[in-house]
């Protein structure tokens, strides 16, 4: 499972089978897993409403099977994002 991407681990991921170029998920577009993305850079220049979407989306991560396969890496990303978002 170490080399699998998050959308491969999560069998019901909404991105599976979509075109990566136009996908709504930045990790999927970049052909990376959610724990490999610098989410601060992803949301930094987005409008406030979209920043809020991604920030609040992270609350659901611990329930995801992909999170459970990489808990340390993913929790670090969530903590970084929360720190960035809350200090802004």
PDB file of N, CA and C in Angstrom:
ATOM      1  N   UNK A   1       0.810  -1.208   0.000  1.00  0.00           N
ATOM      2  CA  UNK A   1       0.000   0.000   0.000  1.00  0.00           C
ATOM      3  C   UNK A   1       0.850   1.268   0.000  1.00  0.00           C
ATOM      4  N   UNK A   2       2.144   1.147   0.248  1.00  0.00           N
ATOM      5  CA  UNK A   2       3.010   2.316   0.392  1.00  0.00           C
ATOM      6  C   UNK A   2       3.067   3.182  -0.869  1.00  0.00           C
ATOM      7  N   UNK A   3       3.025   2.568  -2.034  1.00  0.00           N
ATOM      8  CA  UNK A   3       3.127   3.337  -3.268  1.00  0.00           C
ATOM      9  C   UNK A   3       1.779   3.764  -3.834  1.00  0.00           C
ATOM     10  N   UNK A   4       0.706   3.329  -3.229  1.00  0.00           N
ATOM     11  CA  UNK A   4      -0.617   3.686  -3.720  1.00  0.00           C
ATOM     12  C   UNK A   4      -0.936   5.142  -3.410  1.00  0.00           C
ATOM     13  N   UNK A   5      -1.628   5.777  -4.312  1.00  0.00           N
ATOM     14  CA  UNK A   5      -2.106   7.142  -4.102  1.00  0.00           C
ATOM     15  C   UNK A   5      -3.374   7.095  -3.257  1.00  0.00           C
ATOM     16  N   UNK A   6      -3.721   8.217  -2.668  1.00  0.00           N
ATOM     17  CA  UNK A   6      -4.877   8.253  -1.777  1.00  0.00           C
ATOM     18  C   UNK A   6      -6.158   7.821  -2.480  1.00  0.00           C
ATOM     19  N   UNK A   7      -6.327   8.219  -3.728  1.00  0.00           N
ATOM     20  CA  UNK A   7      -7.552   7.839  -4.441  1.00  0.00           C
ATOM     21  C   UNK A   7      -7.558   6.362  -4.826  1.00  0.00           C
ATOM     22  N   UNK A   8      -6.396   5.718  -4.826  1.00  0.00           N
ATOM     23  CA  UNK A   8      -6.336   4.276  -5.056  1.00  0.00           C
ATOM     24  C   UNK A   8      -6.668   3.518  -3.764  1.00  0.00           C
ATOM     25  N   UNK A   9      -6.255   4.092  -2.641  1.00  0.00           N
ATOM     26  CA  UNK A   9      -6.549   3.492  -1.337  1.00  0.00           C
ATOM     27  C   UNK A   9      -8.031   3.624  -1.027  1.00  0.00           C
ATOM     28  N   UNK A  10      -8.564   4.810  -1.257  1.00  0.00           N
ATOM     29  CA  UNK A  10      -9.974   5.070  -0.983  1.00  0.00           C
ATOM     30  C   UNK A  10     -10.772   4.697  -2.231  1.00  0.00           C
ATOM     31  N   UNK A  11     -11.333   3.530  -2.208  1.00  0.00           N
ATOM     32  CA  UNK A  11     -12.005   2.980  -3.395  1.00  0.00           C
ATOM     33  C   UNK A  11     -13.214   3.783  -3.852  1.00  0.00           C
ATOM     34  N   UNK A  12     -13.835   4.563  -2.947  1.00  0.00           N
ATOM     35  CA  UNK A  12     -14.991   5.365  -3.352  1.00  0.00           C
ATOM     36  C   UNK A  12     -14.643   6.852  -3.525  1.00  0.00           C
ATOM     37  N   UNK A  13     -13.379   7.143  -3.740  1.00  0.00           N
ATOM     38  CA  UNK A  13     -12.945   8.532  -3.955  1.00  0.00           C
ATOM     39  C   UNK A  13     -13.650   9.110  -5.186  1.00  0.00           C
ATOM     40  N   UNK A  14     -14.144  10.310  -5.033  1.00  0.00           N
ATOM     41  CA  UNK A  14     -14.869  10.967  -6.133  1.00  0.00           C
ATOM     42  C   UNK A  14     -13.981  11.283  -7.330  1.00  0.00           C
ATOM     43  N   UNK A  15     -12.683  11.298  -7.146  1.00  0.00           N
ATOM     44  CA  UNK A  15     -11.769  11.638  -8.240  1.00  0.00           C
ATOM     45  C   UNK A  15     -11.448  10.450  -9.140  1.00  0.00           C
ATOM     46  N   UNK A  16     -11.631   9.270  -8.637  1.00  0.00           N
ATOM     47  CA  UNK A  16     -11.284   8.068  -9.411  1.00  0.00           C
ATOM     48  C   UNK A  16     -11.956   8.091 -10.778  1.00  0.00           C
ATOM     49  N   UNK A  17     -11.154   7.893 -11.788  1.00  0.00           N
ATOM     50  CA  UNK A  17     -11.682   7.818 -13.143  1.00  0.00           C
ATOM     51  C   UNK A  17     -11.881   9.162 -13.824  1.00  0.00           C
ATOM     52  N   UNK A  18     -11.649  10.250 -13.108  1.00  0.00           N
ATOM     53  CA  UNK A  18     -11.800  11.579 -13.720  1.00  0.00           C
ATOM     54  C   UNK A  18     -10.500  12.004 -14.386  1.00  0.00           C
ATOM     55  N   UNK A  19     -10.618  12.980 -15.250  1.00  0.00           N
ATOM     56  CA  UNK A  19      -9.432  13.555 -15.868  1.00  0.00           C
ATOM     57  C   UNK A  19      -8.647  14.321 -14.810  1.00  0.00           C
ATOM     58  N   UNK A  20      -7.381  14.027 -14.681  1.00  0.00           N
ATOM     59  CA  UNK A  20      -6.572  14.713 -13.672  1.00  0.00           C
ATOM     60  C   UNK A  20      -6.417  16.196 -13.987  1.00  0.00           C
ATOM     61  N   UNK A  21      -6.380  16.543 -15.234  1.00  0.00           N
ATOM     62  CA  UNK A  21      -6.174  17.940 -15.621  1.00  0.00           C
ATOM     63  C   UNK A  21      -7.298  18.862 -15.151  1.00  0.00           C
ATOM     64  N   UNK A  22      -8.501  18.348 -15.061  1.00  0.00           N
ATOM     65  CA  UNK A  22      -9.643  19.188 -14.702  1.00  0.00           C
ATOM     66  C   UNK A  22     -10.279  18.808 -13.369  1.00  0.00           C
ATOM     67  N   UNK A  23      -9.655  17.909 -12.640  1.00  0.00           N
ATOM     68  CA  UNK A  23     -10.221  17.438 -11.372  1.00  0.00           C
ATOM     69  C   UNK A  23     -10.254  18.549 -10.333  1.00  0.00           C
ATOM     70  N   UNK A  24     -11.218  18.470  -9.445  1.00  0.00           N
ATOM     71  CA  UNK A  24     -11.364  19.466  -8.393  1.00  0.00           C
ATOM     72  C   UNK A  24     -10.385  19.302  -7.246  1.00  0.00           C
ATOM     73  N   UNK A  25      -9.746  18.177  -7.151  1.00  0.00           N
ATOM     74  CA  UNK A  25      -8.813  17.924  -6.062  1.00  0.00           C
ATOM     75  C   UNK A  25      -7.391  18.275  -6.483  1.00  0.00           C
ATOM     76  N   UNK A  26      -6.742  19.179  -5.769  1.00  0.00           N
ATOM     77  CA  UNK A  26      -5.369  19.564  -6.118  1.00  0.00           C
ATOM     78  C   UNK A  26      -4.375  18.404  -6.049  1.00  0.00           C
ATOM     79  N   UNK A  27      -4.549  17.508  -5.108  1.00  0.00           N
ATOM     80  CA  UNK A  27      -3.633  16.366  -4.995  1.00  0.00           C
ATOM     81  C   UNK A  27      -3.774  15.465  -6.217  1.00  0.00           C
ATOM     82  N   UNK A  28      -4.995  15.177  -6.592  1.00  0.00           N
ATOM     83  CA  UNK A  28      -5.249  14.320  -7.755  1.00  0.00           C
ATOM     84  C   UNK A  28      -4.717  14.975  -9.024  1.00  0.00           C
ATOM     85  N   UNK A  29      -4.947  16.280  -9.163  1.00  0.00           N
ATOM     86  CA  UNK A  29      -4.431  16.999 -10.340  1.00  0.00           C
ATOM     87  C   UNK A  29      -2.920  16.896 -10.438  1.00  0.00           C
ATOM     88  N   UNK A  30      -2.243  16.946  -9.293  1.00  0.00           N
ATOM     89  CA  UNK A  30      -0.779  16.893  -9.253  1.00  0.00           C
ATOM     90  C   UNK A  30      -0.235  15.462  -9.262  1.00  0.00           C
ATOM     91  N   UNK A  31      -1.133  14.480  -9.331  1.00  0.00           N
ATOM     92  CA  UNK A  31      -0.755  13.070  -9.293  1.00  0.00           C
ATOM     93  C   UNK A  31       0.008  12.742  -8.012  1.00  0.00           C
ATOM     94  N   UNK A  32      -0.464  13.330  -6.910  1.00  0.00           N
ATOM     95  CA  UNK A  32       0.113  13.097  -5.592  1.00  0.00           C
ATOM     96  C   UNK A  32      -0.992  12.696  -4.636  1.00  0.00           C
ATOM     97  N   UNK A  33      -0.586  12.139  -3.519  1.00  0.00           N
ATOM     98  CA  UNK A  33      -1.552  11.801  -2.474  1.00  0.00           C
ATOM     99  C   UNK A  33      -1.774  13.009  -1.576  1.00  0.00           C
ATOM    100  N   UNK A  34      -2.860  12.981  -0.842  1.00  0.00           N
ATOM    101  CA  UNK A  34      -3.217  14.124   0.003  1.00  0.00           C
ATOM    102  C   UNK A  34      -2.148  14.421   1.046  1.00  0.00           C
ATOM    103  N   UNK A  35      -1.418  13.419   1.499  1.00  0.00           N
ATOM    104  CA  UNK A  35      -0.382  13.646   2.493  1.00  0.00           C
ATOM    105  C   UNK A  35       0.910  14.173   1.871  1.00  0.00           C
ATOM    106  N   UNK A  36       0.980  14.227   0.549  1.00  0.00           N
ATOM    107  CA  UNK A  36       2.172  14.731  -0.141  1.00  0.00           C
ATOM    108  C   UNK A  36       2.046  16.201  -0.560  1.00  0.00           C
ATOM    109  N   UNK A  37       0.875  16.752  -0.428  1.00  0.00           N
ATOM    110  CA  UNK A  37       0.597  18.112  -0.897  1.00  0.00           C
ATOM    111  C   UNK A  37       0.852  19.134   0.211  1.00  0.00           C
ATOM    112  N   UNK A  38       1.431  20.248  -0.142  1.00  0.00           N
ATOM    113  CA  UNK A  38       1.561  21.370   0.795  1.00  0.00           C
ATOM    114  C   UNK A  38       0.265  22.166   0.695  1.00  0.00           C
ATOM    115  N   UNK A  39      -0.670  21.845   1.560  1.00  0.00           N
ATOM    116  CA  UNK A  39      -2.000  22.448   1.488  1.00  0.00           C
ATOM    117  C   UNK A  39      -1.981  23.956   1.729  1.00  0.00           C
ATOM    118  N   UNK A  40      -1.005  24.435   2.467  1.00  0.00           N
ATOM    119  CA  UNK A  40      -0.896  25.897   2.666  1.00  0.00           C
ATOM    120  C   UNK A  40      -0.714  26.589   1.327  1.00  0.00           C
ATOM    121  N   UNK A  41       0.154  26.036   0.503  1.00  0.00           N
ATOM    122  CA  UNK A  41       0.391  26.626  -0.821  1.00  0.00           C
ATOM    123  C   UNK A  41      -0.831  26.485  -1.726  1.00  0.00           C
ATOM    124  N   UNK A  42      -1.561  25.410  -1.558  1.00  0.00           N
ATOM    125  CA  UNK A  42      -2.755  25.181  -2.377  1.00  0.00           C
ATOM    126  C   UNK A  42      -3.804  26.249  -2.097  1.00  0.00           C
ATOM    127  N   UNK A  43      -4.046  26.535  -0.825  1.00  0.00           N
ATOM    128  CA  UNK A  43      -5.145  27.447  -0.494  1.00  0.00           C
ATOM    129  C   UNK A  43      -4.723  28.908  -0.347  1.00  0.00           C
ATOM    130  N   UNK A  44      -3.451  29.157  -0.295  1.00  0.00           N
ATOM    131  CA  UNK A  44      -2.925  30.497  -0.021  1.00  0.00           C
ATOM    132  C   UNK A  44      -3.570  31.604  -0.856  1.00  0.00           C
ATOM    133  N   UNK A  45      -3.715  31.378  -2.133  1.00  0.00           N
ATOM    134  CA  UNK A  45      -4.205  32.419  -3.035  1.00  0.00           C
ATOM    135  C   UNK A  45      -5.662  32.230  -3.458  1.00  0.00           C
ATOM    136  N   UNK A  46      -6.336  31.297  -2.826  1.00  0.00           N
ATOM    137  CA  UNK A  46      -7.749  31.077  -3.141  1.00  0.00           C
ATOM    138  C   UNK A  46      -8.613  32.128  -2.456  1.00  0.00           C
ATOM    139  N   UNK A  47      -9.798  32.397  -2.999  1.00  0.00           N
ATOM    140  CA  UNK A  47     -10.750  33.270  -2.300  1.00  0.00           C
ATOM    141  C   UNK A  47     -11.095  32.670  -0.935  1.00  0.00           C
ATOM    142  N   UNK A  48     -11.503  33.505  -0.014  1.00  0.00           N
ATOM    143  CA  UNK A  48     -11.775  33.082   1.367  1.00  0.00           C
ATOM    144  C   UNK A  48     -12.760  31.918   1.442  1.00  0.00           C
ATOM    145  N   UNK A  49     -13.782  31.931   0.607  1.00  0.00           N
ATOM    146  CA  UNK A  49     -14.774  30.853   0.661  1.00  0.00           C
ATOM    147  C   UNK A  49     -14.156  29.510   0.288  1.00  0.00           C
ATOM    148  N   UNK A  50     -13.249  29.509  -0.671  1.00  0.00           N
ATOM    149  CA  UNK A  50     -12.593  28.264  -1.062  1.00  0.00           C
ATOM    150  C   UNK A  50     -11.558  27.838  -0.023  1.00  0.00           C
ATOM    151  N   UNK A  51     -10.908  28.813   0.597  1.00  0.00           N
ATOM    152  CA  UNK A  51      -9.993  28.476   1.691  1.00  0.00           C
ATOM    153  C   UNK A  51     -10.769  27.798   2.805  1.00  0.00           C
ATOM    154  N   UNK A  52     -11.926  28.336   3.143  1.00  0.00           N
ATOM    155  CA  UNK A  52     -12.764  27.761   4.196  1.00  0.00           C
ATOM    156  C   UNK A  52     -13.197  26.341   3.827  1.00  0.00           C
ATOM    157  N   UNK A  53     -13.524  26.130   2.561  1.00  0.00           N
ATOM    158  CA  UNK A  53     -13.933  24.795   2.111  1.00  0.00           C
ATOM    159  C   UNK A  53     -12.823  23.781   2.389  1.00  0.00           C
ATOM    160  N   UNK A  54     -11.609  24.069   1.949  1.00  0.00           N
ATOM    161  CA  UNK A  54     -10.519  23.112   2.118  1.00  0.00           C
ATOM    162  C   UNK A  54     -10.145  22.954   3.583  1.00  0.00           C
ATOM    163  N   UNK A  55     -10.185  24.046   4.318  1.00  0.00           N
ATOM    164  CA  UNK A  55      -9.885  23.968   5.745  1.00  0.00           C
ATOM    165  C   UNK A  55     -10.907  23.068   6.452  1.00  0.00           C
ATOM    166  N   UNK A  56     -12.181  23.291   6.203  1.00  0.00           N
ATOM    167  CA  UNK A  56     -13.211  22.492   6.865  1.00  0.00           C
ATOM    168  C   UNK A  56     -13.233  21.053   6.351  1.00  0.00           C
ATOM    169  N   UNK A  57     -12.823  20.863   5.111  1.00  0.00           N
ATOM    170  CA  UNK A  57     -12.754  19.521   4.527  1.00  0.00           C
ATOM    171  C   UNK A  57     -11.779  18.640   5.312  1.00  0.00           C
ATOM    172  N   UNK A  58     -10.740  19.232   5.854  1.00  0.00           N
ATOM    173  CA  UNK A  58      -9.722  18.492   6.596  1.00  0.00           C
ATOM    174  C   UNK A  58     -10.286  17.848   7.870  1.00  0.00           C
ATOM    175  N   UNK A  59     -11.391  18.361   8.385  1.00  0.00           N
ATOM    176  CA  UNK A  59     -11.996  17.765   9.581  1.00  0.00           C
ATOM    177  C   UNK A  59     -12.462  16.336   9.347  1.00  0.00           C
ATOM    178  N   UNK A  60     -12.722  16.011   8.099  1.00  0.00           N
ATOM    179  CA  UNK A  60     -13.191  14.662   7.767  1.00  0.00           C
ATOM    180  C   UNK A  60     -12.057  13.680   7.506  1.00  0.00           C
ATOM    181  N   UNK A  61     -10.853  14.172   7.394  1.00  0.00           N
ATOM    182  CA  UNK A  61      -9.716  13.314   7.043  1.00  0.00           C
ATOM    183  C   UNK A  61      -9.509  12.125   7.982  1.00  0.00           C
ATOM    184  N   UNK A  62      -9.567  12.300   9.305  1.00  0.00           N
ATOM    185  CA  UNK A  62      -9.307  11.151  10.180  1.00  0.00           C
ATOM    186  C   UNK A  62     -10.248   9.964   9.962  1.00  0.00           C
ATOM    187  N   UNK A  63     -11.387  10.197   9.359  1.00  0.00           N
ATOM    188  CA  UNK A  63     -12.332   9.116   9.082  1.00  0.00           C
ATOM    189  C   UNK A  63     -11.981   8.344   7.809  1.00  0.00           C
ATOM    190  N   UNK A  64     -11.092   8.881   7.011  1.00  0.00           N
ATOM    191  CA  UNK A  64     -10.768   8.318   5.693  1.00  0.00           C
ATOM    192  C   UNK A  64      -9.749   7.184   5.804  1.00  0.00           C
ATOM    193  N   UNK A  65      -9.951   6.164   5.003  1.00  0.00           N
ATOM    194  CA  UNK A  65      -9.026   5.027   4.985  1.00  0.00           C
ATOM    195  C   UNK A  65      -7.631   5.443   4.520  1.00  0.00           C
ATOM    196  N   UNK A  66      -7.547   6.431   3.647  1.00  0.00           N
ATOM    197  CA  UNK A  66      -6.234   6.916   3.198  1.00  0.00           C
ATOM    198  C   UNK A  66      -5.484   7.572   4.362  1.00  0.00           C
ATOM    199  N   UNK A  67      -6.195   8.307   5.195  1.00  0.00           N
ATOM    200  CA  UNK A  67      -5.592   8.905   6.387  1.00  0.00           C
ATOM    201  C   UNK A  67      -5.050   7.798   7.286  1.00  0.00           C
ATOM    202  N   UNK A  68      -5.841   6.762   7.457  1.00  0.00           N
ATOM    203  CA  UNK A  68      -5.461   5.677   8.358  1.00  0.00           C
ATOM    204  C   UNK A  68      -4.230   4.922   7.856  1.00  0.00           C
ATOM    205  N   UNK A  69      -3.953   4.987   6.569  1.00  0.00           N
ATOM    206  CA  UNK A  69      -2.766   4.317   6.038  1.00  0.00           C
ATOM    207  C   UNK A  69      -1.514   5.188   6.170  1.00  0.00           C
ATOM    208  N   UNK A  70      -1.700   6.492   6.394  1.00  0.00           N
ATOM    209  CA  UNK A  70      -0.583   7.438   6.553  1.00  0.00           C
ATOM    210  C   UNK A  70      -0.926   8.480   7.624  1.00  0.00           C
ATOM    211  N   UNK A  71      -1.233   8.046   8.830  1.00  0.00           N
ATOM    212  CA  UNK A  71      -1.730   8.990   9.840  1.00  0.00           C
ATOM    213  C   UNK A  71      -0.734  10.077  10.246  1.00  0.00           C
ATOM    214  N   UNK A  72       0.541   9.726  10.378  1.00  0.00           N
ATOM    215  CA  UNK A  72       1.515  10.741  10.815  1.00  0.00           C
ATOM    216  C   UNK A  72       1.686  11.836   9.771  1.00  0.00           C
ATOM    217  N   UNK A  73       1.850  11.420   8.510  1.00  0.00           N
ATOM    218  CA  UNK A  73       2.048  12.395   7.440  1.00  0.00           C
ATOM    219  C   UNK A  73       0.814  13.280   7.263  1.00  0.00           C
ATOM    220  N   UNK A  74      -0.343  12.648   7.295  1.00  0.00           N
ATOM    221  CA  UNK A  74      -1.573  13.409   7.072  1.00  0.00           C
ATOM    222  C   UNK A  74      -1.874  14.332   8.237  1.00  0.00           C
ATOM    223  N   UNK A  75      -1.664  13.874   9.455  1.00  0.00           N
ATOM    224  CA  UNK A  75      -1.909  14.739  10.609  1.00  0.00           C
ATOM    225  C   UNK A  75      -0.971  15.938  10.585  1.00  0.00           C
ATOM    226  N   UNK A  76       0.259  15.744  10.158  1.00  0.00           N
ATOM    227  CA  UNK A  76       1.197  16.865  10.036  1.00  0.00           C
ATOM    228  C   UNK A  76       0.682  17.887   9.032  1.00  0.00           C
ATOM    229  N   UNK A  77       0.124  17.424   7.918  1.00  0.00           N
ATOM    230  CA  UNK A  77      -0.439  18.344   6.908  1.00  0.00           C
ATOM    231  C   UNK A  77      -1.627  19.103   7.472  1.00  0.00           C
ATOM    232  N   UNK A  78      -2.488  18.413   8.186  1.00  0.00           N
ATOM    233  CA  UNK A  78      -3.659  19.057   8.790  1.00  0.00           C
ATOM    234  C   UNK A  78      -3.215  20.106   9.803  1.00  0.00           C
ATOM    235  N   UNK A  79      -2.250  19.745  10.651  1.00  0.00           N
ATOM    236  CA  UNK A  79      -1.757  20.685  11.661  1.00  0.00           C
ATOM    237  C   UNK A  79      -1.122  21.914  11.019  1.00  0.00           C
ATOM    238  N   UNK A  80      -0.357  21.715   9.943  1.00  0.00           N
ATOM    239  CA  UNK A  80       0.249  22.839   9.225  1.00  0.00           C
ATOM    240  C   UNK A  80      -0.824  23.763   8.662  1.00  0.00           C
ATOM    241  N   UNK A  81      -1.833  23.163   8.070  1.00  0.00           N
ATOM    242  CA  UNK A  81      -2.898  23.959   7.468  1.00  0.00           C
ATOM    243  C   UNK A  81      -3.674  24.724   8.530  1.00  0.00           C
ATOM    244  N   UNK A  82      -4.000  24.061   9.627  1.00  0.00           N
ATOM    245  CA  UNK A  82      -4.736  24.740  10.695  1.00  0.00           C
ATOM    246  C   UNK A  82      -3.913  25.890  11.263  1.00  0.00           C
ATOM    247  N   UNK A  83      -2.633  25.685  11.434  1.00  0.00           N
ATOM    248  CA  UNK A  83      -1.764  26.733  11.949  1.00  0.00           C
ATOM    249  C   UNK A  83      -1.743  27.931  10.996  1.00  0.00           C
ATOM    250  N   UNK A  84      -1.612  27.651   9.721  1.00  0.00           N
ATOM    251  CA  UNK A  84      -1.621  28.710   8.705  1.00  0.00           C
ATOM    252  C   UNK A  84      -2.952  29.436   8.690  1.00  0.00           C
ATOM    253  N   UNK A  85      -4.017  28.681   8.683  1.00  0.00           N
ATOM    254  CA  UNK A  85      -5.361  29.253   8.568  1.00  0.00           C
ATOM    255  C   UNK A  85      -5.731  30.057   9.803  1.00  0.00           C
ATOM    256  N   UNK A  86      -5.419  29.529  10.968  1.00  0.00           N
ATOM    257  CA  UNK A  86      -5.797  30.205  12.213  1.00  0.00           C
ATOM    258  C   UNK A  86      -4.931  31.431  12.505  1.00  0.00           C
ATOM    259  N   UNK A  87      -3.714  31.461  11.949  1.00  0.00           N
ATOM    260  CA  UNK A  87      -2.835  32.608  12.172  1.00  0.00           C
ATOM    261  C   UNK A  87      -3.025  33.711  11.149  1.00  0.00           C
ATOM    262  N   UNK A  88      -3.845  33.473  10.172  1.00  0.00           N
ATOM    263  CA  UNK A  88      -4.078  34.467   9.110  1.00  0.00           C
ATOM    264  C   UNK A  88      -5.060  35.530   9.546  1.00  0.00           C
TER     265      UNK A  88
END
